[in-house]
Protein backbone atom coordinates (compact mmCIF):
# COMPACT_ATOMS: atom_id res chain seq x y z
CA UNK A 1 40.70 5.76 -20.11
CA UNK A 2 42.45 3.48 -17.62
CA UNK A 3 41.05 0.57 -15.66
CA UNK A 4 41.68 0.78 -11.93
CA UNK A 5 40.52 -2.52 -10.60
CA UNK A 6 37.45 -2.46 -8.38
CA UNK A 7 37.23 1.35 -8.76
CA UNK A 8 36.48 1.00 -12.40
CA UNK A 9 37.40 3.02 -15.52
CA UNK A 10 38.85 6.47 -14.77
CA UNK A 11 37.42 8.97 -17.18
CA UNK A 12 34.70 6.63 -18.49
CA UNK A 13 31.18 5.64 -17.52
CA UNK A 14 30.40 4.89 -13.79
CA UNK A 15 31.51 1.51 -12.73
CA UNK A 16 29.26 -0.78 -10.81
CA UNK A 17 31.14 -3.31 -8.58
CA UNK A 18 28.12 -5.60 -8.54
CA UNK A 19 28.47 -6.02 -12.32
CA UNK A 20 32.22 -6.73 -12.25
CA UNK A 21 32.95 -10.26 -13.20
CA UNK A 22 36.22 -12.19 -13.12
CA UNK A 23 36.29 -14.97 -15.54
CA UNK A 24 37.91 -17.71 -13.55
CA UNK A 25 39.57 -20.87 -14.87
CA UNK A 26 37.40 -23.90 -14.28
CA UNK A 27 39.55 -26.96 -13.87
CA UNK A 28 36.62 -29.44 -14.01
CA UNK A 29 35.72 -28.20 -17.44
CA UNK A 30 39.16 -29.08 -18.96
CA UNK A 31 39.18 -32.26 -21.07
CA UNK A 32 42.61 -33.16 -19.62
CA UNK A 33 41.38 -33.23 -15.96
CA UNK A 34 41.09 -36.77 -14.61
CA UNK A 35 37.52 -38.05 -14.60
CA UNK A 36 37.78 -38.91 -10.86
CA UNK A 37 38.49 -35.30 -9.83
CA UNK A 38 35.74 -33.95 -12.06
CA UNK A 39 33.17 -36.45 -10.68
CA UNK A 40 34.20 -35.61 -7.09
CA UNK A 41 33.39 -31.98 -7.76
CA UNK A 42 30.10 -32.61 -9.39
CA UNK A 43 29.13 -35.09 -6.62
CA UNK A 44 29.94 -32.38 -4.05
CA UNK A 45 27.46 -30.08 -5.93
CA UNK A 46 24.84 -32.82 -5.89
CA UNK A 47 25.19 -33.20 -2.13
CA UNK A 48 24.84 -29.46 -1.64
CA UNK A 49 21.61 -29.61 -3.59
CA UNK A 50 20.32 -32.48 -1.53
CA UNK A 51 20.91 -30.62 1.74
CA UNK A 52 19.50 -27.34 0.42
CA UNK A 53 16.01 -28.79 -0.05
CA UNK A 54 15.78 -26.48 -3.05
CA UNK A 55 12.90 -28.56 -4.53
CA UNK A 56 10.47 -26.57 -2.28
CA UNK A 57 11.33 -23.51 -4.37
CA UNK A 58 11.92 -25.17 -7.71
CA UNK A 59 8.83 -27.38 -8.10
CA UNK A 60 6.18 -24.59 -8.02
CA UNK A 61 8.07 -22.86 -10.83
CA UNK A 62 8.42 -26.04 -12.81
CA UNK A 63 4.72 -26.91 -12.25
CA UNK A 64 3.83 -23.54 -13.85
CA UNK A 65 6.34 -23.93 -16.70
CA UNK A 66 5.16 -27.49 -17.46
CA UNK A 67 1.52 -26.32 -17.58
CA UNK A 68 2.19 -23.39 -19.74
CA UNK A 69 4.61 -25.15 -22.17
CA UNK A 70 2.79 -28.49 -22.38
CA UNK A 71 6.20 -30.11 -22.04
CA UNK A 72 6.21 -33.88 -21.88
CA UNK A 73 9.62 -34.27 -20.27
CA UNK A 74 12.28 -32.29 -18.48
CA UNK A 75 15.78 -32.14 -20.11
CA UNK A 76 18.40 -31.03 -17.61
CA UNK A 77 21.57 -29.61 -19.17
CA UNK A 78 24.96 -29.47 -17.37
CA UNK A 79 23.61 -32.04 -14.90
CA UNK A 80 27.00 -32.94 -13.35
CA UNK A 81 26.21 -35.82 -10.89
CA UNK A 82 22.44 -35.12 -11.06
CA UNK A 83 21.78 -32.08 -8.90
CA UNK A 84 18.30 -31.94 -7.29
CA UNK A 85 16.56 -34.10 -9.91
CA UNK A 86 15.38 -37.01 -7.79
CA UNK A 87 13.85 -34.74 -5.12
CA UNK A 88 12.34 -32.56 -7.75
CA UNK A 89 10.81 -35.54 -9.49
CA UNK A 90 9.49 -36.98 -6.18
CA UNK A 91 7.87 -33.57 -5.30
CA UNK A 92 6.35 -33.24 -8.80
CA UNK A 93 4.88 -36.76 -8.41
CA UNK A 94 3.51 -35.86 -4.98
CA UNK A 95 1.65 -33.04 -6.68
CA UNK A 96 0.26 -35.34 -9.32
CA UNK A 97 2.72 -34.40 -12.09
CA UNK A 98 4.41 -37.50 -13.55
CA UNK A 99 6.85 -36.20 -16.14
CA UNK A 100 9.98 -38.08 -17.17
CA UNK A 101 13.46 -36.45 -17.00
CA UNK A 102 16.65 -36.87 -18.78
CA UNK A 103 20.06 -35.69 -17.65
CA UNK A 104 22.81 -34.45 -19.87
CA UNK A 105 26.38 -33.17 -19.39
CA UNK A 106 29.45 -32.34 -21.51
CA UNK A 107 31.40 -34.84 -19.29
CA UNK A 108 28.66 -37.20 -18.08
CA UNK A 109 29.30 -39.00 -14.75
CA UNK A 110 28.29 -42.47 -15.89
CA UNK A 111 28.31 -44.01 -12.46
CA UNK A 112 26.06 -41.30 -10.96
CA UNK A 113 23.75 -41.31 -14.00
CA UNK A 114 23.36 -45.05 -13.88
CA UNK A 115 22.62 -44.97 -10.09
CA UNK A 116 20.14 -42.16 -10.65
CA UNK A 117 18.14 -44.14 -13.20
CA UNK A 118 17.89 -47.02 -10.65
CA UNK A 119 17.16 -44.68 -7.58
CA UNK A 120 14.43 -42.85 -9.57
CA UNK A 121 12.63 -46.06 -10.55
CA UNK A 122 13.22 -45.09 -14.21
CA UNK A 123 11.45 -41.71 -14.02
CA UNK A 124 14.85 -40.14 -14.80
CA UNK A 125 17.17 -41.38 -17.50
CA UNK A 126 20.52 -39.97 -18.68
CA UNK A 127 22.20 -39.35 -21.93
CA UNK A 128 25.70 -40.88 -21.76
CA UNK A 129 26.77 -38.97 -24.81
CA UNK A 130 28.70 -35.74 -24.38
CA UNK A 131 26.08 -32.95 -24.78
CA UNK A 132 27.14 -29.32 -25.07
CA UNK A 133 24.42 -27.05 -23.59
CA UNK A 134 25.03 -24.59 -26.37
CA UNK A 135 24.21 -27.18 -29.04
CA UNK A 136 21.56 -29.50 -27.78
CA UNK A 137 20.48 -32.16 -30.34
CA UNK A 138 16.84 -31.99 -31.54
CA UNK A 139 16.18 -35.49 -30.19
CA UNK A 140 16.37 -34.00 -26.70
CA UNK A 141 13.21 -32.07 -26.75
CA UNK A 142 11.41 -30.97 -23.62
CA UNK A 143 11.42 -28.29 -20.92
CA UNK A 144 15.06 -27.45 -20.46
CA UNK A 145 16.52 -26.79 -17.06
CA UNK A 146 20.01 -25.84 -15.80
CA UNK A 147 19.98 -26.93 -12.12
CA UNK A 148 23.71 -27.62 -11.67
CA UNK A 149 25.17 -25.09 -14.08
CA UNK A 150 24.89 -21.83 -12.06
CA UNK A 151 28.46 -22.06 -10.79
CA UNK A 152 29.52 -21.30 -14.37
CA UNK A 153 27.88 -17.91 -14.35
């Protein structure tokens, strides 16, 4: 069998282009990348979330997950510069659900996380420790979300 790019494997099982994945190199996940550049990228992702108004879609799903799980807080993994968390929290509160949130990231943006704590009136806090989403400490229990991480997939 030989691989022929987008045409797939010759002499093998049928190839589905929609399943083809190129594993790209992510600069912002490299420890040697300057923090300023990493934070600029995650801030850009946060702004995209803000303009998307995604909380309209996310909150009904979270509302159901919170009710079914009995979760007492939301733990967002791979939070970058915060993603949609403030708007999600505001919409949950509007629906009568007051649940604290905590943000985590492998490379936490300390400035963005500090501002978020102030801007959310304390309903969202952040872990300033490096948290790997594949090895979350037990102290961070709650309903886990991955709002800002989808660019990794």
